[in-house]
Amino acid sequence: TVVCAASNSHQRITGGSISTVAGQVFYCSFRATYVDAQFIQARLNWSYTPAYVNFDLLNGTYAGYDGFLAAGMTLVSPGVYDCWCRLATTYTGTGATAIQIQFVEASNSITGSNFNGDGVKSFKITKLSVVDVTNYDASYVPEYVSVGSDIGKNFFLHTDDFSQSAWTKANITITHSAIANPVNGRVDAQKV
């Protein structure tokens, strides 16, 4: 569970590290659960591409901007969606962040916009995957491939534990079992 800070700031969780060549295409997917933060934004590191997608976790809609290739949401159960987007890179190099998932105020929020957090609003992210799908047909949807293969490789080793070093923390602190999980009420949610 990702909980916002009580401030008006750029509030995001970032993770992974990838090397890119301009024109590469990445398939980013994750399961998002609406708790009480309606909008979230998914994008590769800003230096890889300007493309991003805003997902509305309350209404099951999305809007892509600045050259995104495709995106979608599939309802899993009430308030739970499998979200995905295909984004092409415009940069060649290596970055410390593969993907950013951030709180945004609306479906038309620009990338990097501030979120007016109250310290309570949250959403849940699981099953995060970033896969290089360059040279695959646009209809190709990667399946998870276990360790030992570079084909269909998920660049994330720690998809649910934001305290791991694979996640970069910018102006935030991760606290284990800090608050009641808004999904099940147990005090096991990480506070971000």
C-alpha atoms as a PDB file:
ATOM      1  CA  THR A   1       0.000   0.000   0.000  1.00  0.00           C
ATOM      2  CA  VAL A   2       1.334   3.430  -0.953  1.00  0.00           C
ATOM      3  CA  VAL A   3       0.209   6.264   1.339  1.00  0.00           C
ATOM      4  CA  CYS A   4       0.696   9.906   0.383  1.00  0.00           C
ATOM      5  CA  ALA A   5       2.582  12.441   2.474  1.00  0.00           C
ATOM      6  CA  ALA A   6       0.781  15.315   4.174  1.00  0.00           C
ATOM      7  CA  SER A   7       2.177  17.920   1.802  1.00  0.00           C
ATOM      8  CA  ASN A   8       1.736  19.491  -1.614  1.00  0.00           C
ATOM      9  CA  SER A   9       4.612  17.854  -3.471  1.00  0.00           C
ATOM     10  CA  HIS A  10       5.662  15.468  -6.237  1.00  0.00           C
ATOM     11  CA  GLN A  11       4.739  12.162  -4.550  1.00  0.00           C
ATOM     12  CA  ARG A  12       5.897   9.014  -6.285  1.00  0.00           C
ATOM     13  CA  ILE A  13       7.413   5.614  -5.889  1.00  0.00           C
ATOM     14  CA  THR A  14      10.143   4.723  -8.368  1.00  0.00           C
ATOM     15  CA  GLY A  15      12.082   1.582  -9.026  1.00  0.00           C
ATOM     16  CA  GLY A  16      14.241  -0.540 -11.225  1.00  0.00           C
ATOM     17  CA  SER A  17      17.102   0.346 -13.507  1.00  0.00           C
ATOM     18  CA  ILE A  18      17.263  -0.136 -17.242  1.00  0.00           C
ATOM     19  CA  SER A  19      19.517   0.743 -20.135  1.00  0.00           C
ATOM     20  CA  THR A  20      17.708   2.133 -23.142  1.00  0.00           C
ATOM     21  CA  VAL A  21      18.272   2.832 -26.799  1.00  0.00           C
ATOM     22  CA  ALA A  22      16.099   5.454 -28.462  1.00  0.00           C
ATOM     23  CA  GLY A  23      13.141   3.700 -30.081  1.00  0.00           C
ATOM     24  CA  GLN A  24      12.942   0.806 -27.629  1.00  0.00           C
ATOM     25  CA  VAL A  25       9.430  -0.126 -26.515  1.00  0.00           C
ATOM     26  CA  PHE A  26       8.618  -1.142 -22.941  1.00  0.00           C
ATOM     27  CA  TYR A  27       5.455  -2.825 -21.675  1.00  0.00           C
ATOM     28  CA  CYS A  28       4.705  -1.702 -18.127  1.00  0.00           C
ATOM     29  CA  SER A  29       2.011  -3.524 -16.174  1.00  0.00           C
ATOM     30  CA  PHE A  30       0.763  -3.613 -12.600  1.00  0.00           C
ATOM     31  CA  ARG A  31      -2.302  -4.370 -10.524  1.00  0.00           C
ATOM     32  CA  ALA A  32      -3.702  -1.243  -8.874  1.00  0.00           C
ATOM     33  CA  THR A  33      -6.269  -1.230  -6.099  1.00  0.00           C
ATOM     34  CA  TYR A  34      -8.366   1.841  -5.394  1.00  0.00           C
ATOM     35  CA  VAL A  35      -8.372   2.705  -1.707  1.00  0.00           C
ATOM     36  CA  ASP A  36      -9.110   6.431  -1.675  1.00  0.00           C
ATOM     37  CA  ALA A  37      -6.667   8.002  -4.150  1.00  0.00           C
ATOM     38  CA  GLN A  38      -8.546   8.191  -7.432  1.00  0.00           C
ATOM     39  CA  PHE A  39      -5.785   9.015  -9.929  1.00  0.00           C
ATOM     40  CA  ILE A  40      -2.289   7.621 -10.412  1.00  0.00           C
ATOM     41  CA  GLN A  41       0.251   8.155 -13.163  1.00  0.00           C
ATOM     42  CA  ALA A  42       2.615   5.602 -14.721  1.00  0.00           C
ATOM     43  CA  ARG A  43       5.671   6.482 -16.760  1.00  0.00           C
ATOM     44  CA  LEU A  44       9.200   5.433 -17.482  1.00  0.00           C
ATOM     45  CA  ASN A  45      11.939   7.664 -16.125  1.00  0.00           C
ATOM     46  CA  TRP A  46      11.413  11.180 -17.495  1.00  0.00           C
ATOM     47  CA  SER A  47      14.772  11.093 -19.277  1.00  0.00           C
ATOM     48  CA  TYR A  48      13.770   8.004 -21.302  1.00  0.00           C
ATOM     49  CA  THR A  49      10.546   9.392 -22.784  1.00  0.00           C
ATOM     50  CA  PRO A  50       8.019  12.181 -22.244  1.00  0.00           C
ATOM     51  CA  ALA A  51       5.130   9.672 -22.558  1.00  0.00           C
ATOM     52  CA  TYR A  52       2.904   8.862 -19.581  1.00  0.00           C
ATOM     53  CA  VAL A  53      -0.542   7.509 -18.711  1.00  0.00           C
ATOM     54  CA  ASN A  54      -2.962   8.634 -15.985  1.00  0.00           C
ATOM     55  CA  PHE A  55      -5.238   5.925 -14.570  1.00  0.00           C
ATOM     56  CA  ASP A  56      -8.583   6.634 -12.841  1.00  0.00           C
ATOM     57  CA  LEU A  57      -8.948   3.878 -10.232  1.00  0.00           C
ATOM     58  CA  LEU A  58     -12.479   4.880  -9.304  1.00  0.00           C
ATOM     59  CA  ASN A  59     -14.036   4.894 -12.789  1.00  0.00           C
ATOM     60  CA  GLY A  60     -11.748   2.479 -14.639  1.00  0.00           C
ATOM     61  CA  THR A  61     -10.628   4.947 -17.302  1.00  0.00           C
ATOM     62  CA  TYR A  62      -7.234   6.174 -18.459  1.00  0.00           C
ATOM     63  CA  ALA A  63      -5.694   8.931 -20.565  1.00  0.00           C
ATOM     64  CA  GLY A  64      -2.318   8.788 -22.280  1.00  0.00           C
ATOM     65  CA  TYR A  65      -0.167  11.782 -23.162  1.00  0.00           C
ATOM     66  CA  ASP A  66       2.976  12.910 -24.976  1.00  0.00           C
ATOM     67  CA  GLY A  67       3.456  10.031 -27.394  1.00  0.00           C
ATOM     68  CA  PHE A  68       2.333   6.978 -25.422  1.00  0.00           C
ATOM     69  CA  LEU A  69       1.769   4.003 -27.751  1.00  0.00           C
ATOM     70  CA  ALA A  70      -1.123   2.226 -26.030  1.00  0.00           C
ATOM     71  CA  ALA A  71      -2.639   1.618 -22.605  1.00  0.00           C
ATOM     72  CA  GLY A  72      -5.494  -0.159 -20.933  1.00  0.00           C
ATOM     73  CA  MET A  73      -7.240  -1.256 -17.754  1.00  0.00           C
ATOM     74  CA  THR A  74      -9.010  -4.540 -17.045  1.00  0.00           C
ATOM     75  CA  LEU A  75     -11.387  -4.804 -14.112  1.00  0.00           C
ATOM     76  CA  VAL A  76     -10.342  -7.688 -11.835  1.00  0.00           C
ATOM     77  CA  SER A  77     -12.841  -7.023  -9.035  1.00  0.00           C
ATOM     78  CA  PRO A  78     -14.513  -3.857  -7.707  1.00  0.00           C
ATOM     79  CA  GLY A  79     -11.786  -1.206  -7.397  1.00  0.00           C
ATOM     80  CA  VAL A  80      -9.019  -3.541  -8.602  1.00  0.00           C
ATOM     81  CA  TYR A  81      -7.561  -3.128 -12.093  1.00  0.00           C
ATOM     82  CA  ASP A  82      -4.805  -4.691 -14.138  1.00  0.00           C
ATOM     83  CA  CYS A  83      -3.237  -1.610 -15.744  1.00  0.00           C
ATOM     84  CA  TRP A  84      -0.728  -1.540 -18.580  1.00  0.00           C
ATOM     85  CA  CYS A  85       0.951   0.837 -20.995  1.00  0.00           C
ATOM     86  CA  ARG A  86       3.364   0.601 -23.920  1.00  0.00           C
ATOM     87  CA  LEU A  87       5.886   3.418 -24.010  1.00  0.00           C
ATOM     88  CA  ALA A  88       8.659   4.085 -26.525  1.00  0.00           C
ATOM     89  CA  THR A  89      11.955   5.593 -25.399  1.00  0.00           C
ATOM     90  CA  THR A  90      13.456   8.693 -26.975  1.00  0.00           C
ATOM     91  CA  TYR A  91      16.753   8.513 -25.070  1.00  0.00           C
ATOM     92  CA  THR A  92      19.836   6.287 -25.208  1.00  0.00           C
ATOM     93  CA  GLY A  93      21.576   5.633 -21.902  1.00  0.00           C
ATOM     94  CA  THR A  94      21.262   4.100 -18.458  1.00  0.00           C
ATOM     95  CA  GLY A  95      19.016   5.509 -15.767  1.00  0.00           C
ATOM     96  CA  ALA A  96      18.578   4.786 -12.108  1.00  0.00           C
ATOM     97  CA  THR A  97      14.795   4.560 -12.427  1.00  0.00           C
ATOM     98  CA  ALA A  98      12.829   2.318 -14.742  1.00  0.00           C
ATOM     99  CA  ILE A  99       9.288   3.278 -13.740  1.00  0.00           C
ATOM    100  CA  GLN A 100       7.495   5.855 -11.658  1.00  0.00           C
ATOM    101  CA  ILE A 101       4.020   5.442 -10.177  1.00  0.00           C
ATOM    102  CA  GLN A 102       2.804   8.670  -8.654  1.00  0.00           C
ATOM    103  CA  PHE A 103      -0.217  10.307  -7.089  1.00  0.00           C
ATOM    104  CA  VAL A 104      -1.894  12.883  -9.363  1.00  0.00           C
ATOM    105  CA  GLU A 105      -4.923  15.119  -8.883  1.00  0.00           C
ATOM    106  CA  ALA A 106      -6.861  14.404 -12.105  1.00  0.00           C
ATOM    107  CA  SER A 107      -6.976  12.391 -15.313  1.00  0.00           C
ATOM    108  CA  ASN A 108      -5.414  15.324 -17.178  1.00  0.00           C
ATOM    109  CA  SER A 109      -2.566  16.015 -14.702  1.00  0.00           C
ATOM    110  CA  ILE A 110       0.755  16.686 -16.366  1.00  0.00           C
ATOM    111  CA  THR A 111       3.815  14.610 -15.629  1.00  0.00           C
ATOM    112  CA  GLY A 112       5.716  15.612 -12.527  1.00  0.00           C
ATOM    113  CA  SER A 113       2.803  17.578 -11.107  1.00  0.00           C
ATOM    114  CA  ASN A 114       2.402  18.073  -7.380  1.00  0.00           C
ATOM    115  CA  PHE A 115      -0.201  16.189  -5.369  1.00  0.00           C
ATOM    116  CA  ASN A 116      -1.973  17.820  -2.441  1.00  0.00           C
ATOM    117  CA  GLY A 117      -1.546  14.969   0.024  1.00  0.00           C
ATOM    118  CA  ASP A 118      -3.288  14.607   3.354  1.00  0.00           C
ATOM    119  CA  GLY A 119      -1.140  11.793   4.778  1.00  0.00           C
ATOM    120  CA  VAL A 120      -4.062   9.358   4.434  1.00  0.00           C
ATOM    121  CA  LYS A 121      -4.930   8.888   0.746  1.00  0.00           C
ATOM    122  CA  SER A 122      -3.532   5.647  -0.631  1.00  0.00           C
ATOM    123  CA  PHE A 123      -3.581   3.019  -3.355  1.00  0.00           C
ATOM    124  CA  LYS A 124      -2.152  -0.465  -3.579  1.00  0.00           C
ATOM    125  CA  ILE A 125       0.281  -1.675  -6.254  1.00  0.00           C
ATOM    126  CA  THR A 126       1.196  -5.325  -6.878  1.00  0.00           C
ATOM    127  CA  LYS A 127       2.485  -7.417  -9.778  1.00  0.00           C
ATOM    128  CA  LEU A 128       4.622  -4.618 -11.211  1.00  0.00           C
ATOM    129  CA  SER A 129       6.466  -5.583 -14.366  1.00  0.00           C
ATOM    130  CA  VAL A 130       8.528  -3.686 -16.950  1.00  0.00           C
ATOM    131  CA  VAL A 131       9.470  -5.719 -20.027  1.00  0.00           C
ATOM    132  CA  ASP A 132      11.361  -4.739 -23.189  1.00  0.00           C
ATOM    133  CA  VAL A 133       9.008  -5.613 -26.088  1.00  0.00           C
ATOM    134  CA  THR A 134      11.021  -3.955 -28.863  1.00  0.00           C
ATOM    135  CA  ASN A 135      10.548  -5.724 -32.225  1.00  0.00           C
ATOM    136  CA  TYR A 136       7.486  -7.622 -30.988  1.00  0.00           C
ATOM    137  CA  ASP A 137       4.115  -7.252 -32.669  1.00  0.00           C
ATOM    138  CA  ALA A 138       1.984  -4.512 -31.047  1.00  0.00           C
ATOM    139  CA  SER A 139      -0.495  -7.166 -29.880  1.00  0.00           C
ATOM    140  CA  TYR A 140       2.196  -9.023 -27.895  1.00  0.00           C
ATOM    141  CA  VAL A 141       1.510  -9.125 -24.147  1.00  0.00           C
ATOM    142  CA  PRO A 142       4.459 -10.522 -22.164  1.00  0.00           C
ATOM    143  CA  GLU A 143       3.957 -13.135 -19.491  1.00  0.00           C
ATOM    144  CA  TYR A 144       6.118 -13.295 -16.414  1.00  0.00           C
ATOM    145  CA  VAL A 145       9.318 -15.272 -17.017  1.00  0.00           C
ATOM    146  CA  SER A 146      11.279 -16.500 -14.011  1.00  0.00           C
ATOM    147  CA  VAL A 147      14.890 -15.747 -13.227  1.00  0.00           C
ATOM    148  CA  GLY A 148      17.445 -17.030 -15.716  1.00  0.00           C
ATOM    149  CA  SER A 149      16.038 -15.650 -18.944  1.00  0.00           C
ATOM    150  CA  ASP A 150      16.648 -12.288 -20.587  1.00  0.00           C
ATOM    151  CA  ILE A 151      13.623 -12.807 -22.858  1.00  0.00           C
ATOM    152  CA  GLY A 152      10.503 -11.350 -21.279  1.00  0.00           C
ATOM    153  CA  LYS A 153      12.575 -10.410 -18.236  1.00  0.00           C
ATOM    154  CA  ASN A 154      10.822  -8.401 -15.549  1.00  0.00           C
ATOM    155  CA  PHE A 155      13.269  -5.681 -14.498  1.00  0.00           C
ATOM    156  CA  PHE A 156      11.837  -5.691 -10.943  1.00  0.00           C
ATOM    157  CA  LEU A 157      12.937  -8.143  -8.269  1.00  0.00           C
ATOM    158  CA  HIS A 158      10.970  -6.503  -5.441  1.00  0.00           C
ATOM    159  CA  THR A 159       7.556  -5.574  -6.847  1.00  0.00           C
ATOM    160  CA  ASP A 160       5.722  -5.042  -3.550  1.00  0.00           C
ATOM    161  CA  ASP A 161       8.390  -4.167  -0.958  1.00  0.00           C
ATOM    162  CA  PHE A 162       9.204  -0.476  -1.385  1.00  0.00           C
ATOM    163  CA  SER A 163      11.919  -0.567   1.299  1.00  0.00           C
ATOM    164  CA  GLN A 164      14.225  -2.596  -0.969  1.00  0.00           C
ATOM    165  CA  SER A 165      17.199  -0.803  -2.544  1.00  0.00           C
ATOM    166  CA  ALA A 166      15.695  -1.522  -5.984  1.00  0.00           C
ATOM    167  CA  TRP A 167      13.293   1.356  -5.256  1.00  0.00           C
ATOM    168  CA  THR A 168      14.591   4.909  -5.246  1.00  0.00           C
ATOM    169  CA  LYS A 169      13.075   7.083  -2.545  1.00  0.00           C
ATOM    170  CA  ALA A 170      12.853  10.809  -3.306  1.00  0.00           C
ATOM    171  CA  ASN A 171      11.910  12.971  -0.309  1.00  0.00           C
ATOM    172  CA  ILE A 172      10.088  10.060   1.337  1.00  0.00           C
ATOM    173  CA  THR A 173      10.644   7.527   4.091  1.00  0.00           C
ATOM    174  CA  ILE A 174       9.441   3.921   4.072  1.00  0.00           C
ATOM    175  CA  THR A 175       8.119   2.623   7.411  1.00  0.00           C
ATOM    176  CA  HIS A 176       7.120  -1.067   7.721  1.00  0.00           C
ATOM    177  CA  SER A 177       3.853  -1.972   9.467  1.00  0.00           C
ATOM    178  CA  ALA A 178       3.244   1.705  10.186  1.00  0.00           C
ATOM    179  CA  ILE A 179      -0.465   2.050   9.604  1.00  0.00           C
ATOM    180  CA  ALA A 180      -3.632   0.027   9.210  1.00  0.00           C
ATOM    181  CA  ASN A 181      -3.899  -1.438   5.743  1.00  0.00           C
ATOM    182  CA  PRO A 182      -6.986   0.212   4.202  1.00  0.00           C
ATOM    183  CA  VAL A 183      -7.794  -3.011   2.344  1.00  0.00           C
ATOM    184  CA  ASN A 184      -7.917  -5.472   5.260  1.00  0.00           C
ATOM    185  CA  GLY A 185      -7.540  -3.332   8.417  1.00  0.00           C
ATOM    186  CA  ARG A 186      -4.370  -5.087   9.653  1.00  0.00           C
ATOM    187  CA  VAL A 187      -1.464  -2.888  10.752  1.00  0.00           C
ATOM    188  CA  ASP A 188       0.854  -4.163   8.028  1.00  0.00           C
ATOM    189  CA  ALA A 189       0.879  -1.372   5.443  1.00  0.00           C
ATOM    190  CA  GLN A 190       4.121   0.341   4.548  1.00  0.00           C
ATOM    191  CA  LYS A 191       3.929   4.084   5.037  1.00  0.00           C
ATOM    192  CA  VAL A 192       5.582   5.963   2.182  1.00  0.00           C
END
